[in-house]
């Protein structure tokens, strides 16, 4: 027995450190390490909750292949990157933007309830161009606009558009106090804008967005590197500045699914899930104590540590917990205790043969390990398959369930084999080990 003392001390200290760290991460709503932030002050235990629990907007877009060629992975990656820039500029907390299948993109915006505003922000192309009045315009027939052109650095006459922009920001007109969009050109665009404003001094310059006239200010002076768009509301100015900065989408996209989730419904589902998890955990602990006595108490303590470590991992990664994910977590609790049941049953068999408790316990762990390893490996393999199918079919519910179950199974193997074994070894050095009745059912 003495051979276990020194490594046992360090193992026990290691378990206590891991459990304490996990408990701190779970108890703290948020935690920061340099620029690395995790947690949420508005959710249960600071966990990252999915749309079905937190509420918000759920959108699925389908990319359309350009004329003359098929969609590529680069096209989808470009769509995701452009949407991310737009959504991040909109100030949405922890959006979920990911590829679904071969040609779809999932966008989940927690806390955003205005579906139309979200669709306008994400899907609009925001093509900006500049036009001038047609000299042949008949005033009686209304204004007629033609492209405002200038010579680029290669000497070619081109239409000035938003591709020459470097930055667009939300601002306020100093004289009127109304919102405006301030934009800046790159070097070539600034030189072209200077040519146009020189030619149109004293005349209107039309600023068009997606073919619609936004404003037509009169050119008062020669402008080279910057200008402003007026005649927009504060909301329009914010969205326009985001869209101009994000650039046009690389390929057209169409919306194929839209949904809003009420936060009240999500809170009710979360509360019921917490109750279900607490009841399930309590029943499992009661079963273990009644059937295995003192080892059951140890298994219960390990199970609580397992739950704390799993929640800490979910929070640190972070894993977005949906209702399906919570179901997988509760399922993994039952699977975590299953390993302990195998170990204790093997241990009881060894005790019946007359072996001392310590040797019986060691033999129980060794004999149960192949069964635990194979059953958990099968579950891990199934989780991987479910995750792959969820990604291919565009079902985020399946991927969330599979990921949560995968993490739970990995951690359950750690707690069953290492933590429970460490606690039992510590127990066997105490006076309780002399009472063999505490180890028999």
Foldseek 3Di string as FASTA:
>chain_A
DVVCPPVLVVLVVVLVVLLVVLLVLQQDQWDDDPPDIFFDPPDHSRAFAFCQQQWFKKFKKFFDQDPPDGDDPVLVVLLQQLQVLLVVLVVFPDWDWDAFADTMIITTGGPHFPQVLSCCLRQFFFKKFKWFFDPPDDVVVPTDTDFQWFQFPVRDIDGQILVQWDAWDWDADPPPRFIKIKTWGPQRSLVRQQVRLVVQAQGWMFMDTPNHTQDTDHRPDRTGTMDITDNDHNSVNSSSRSSSNSHGRPTHMDIDDMDTHDNVSSNVLVVVLVVVLVVLLVVQLVVLCVAFNPLSPLLSVLLVSLLSSLSSPCRNVPAHDYSLLSVLLSVLSVVLVVLVVQLLVQLQVQVVVPDQSVVSSVRSLVVSVVVLVVVLVVLLVVLVVQLVVCRNRVPVSSNSNSVSNNSSSVSSVCSSNRVSVSVVVVVCVDPVSVPCVSRHD
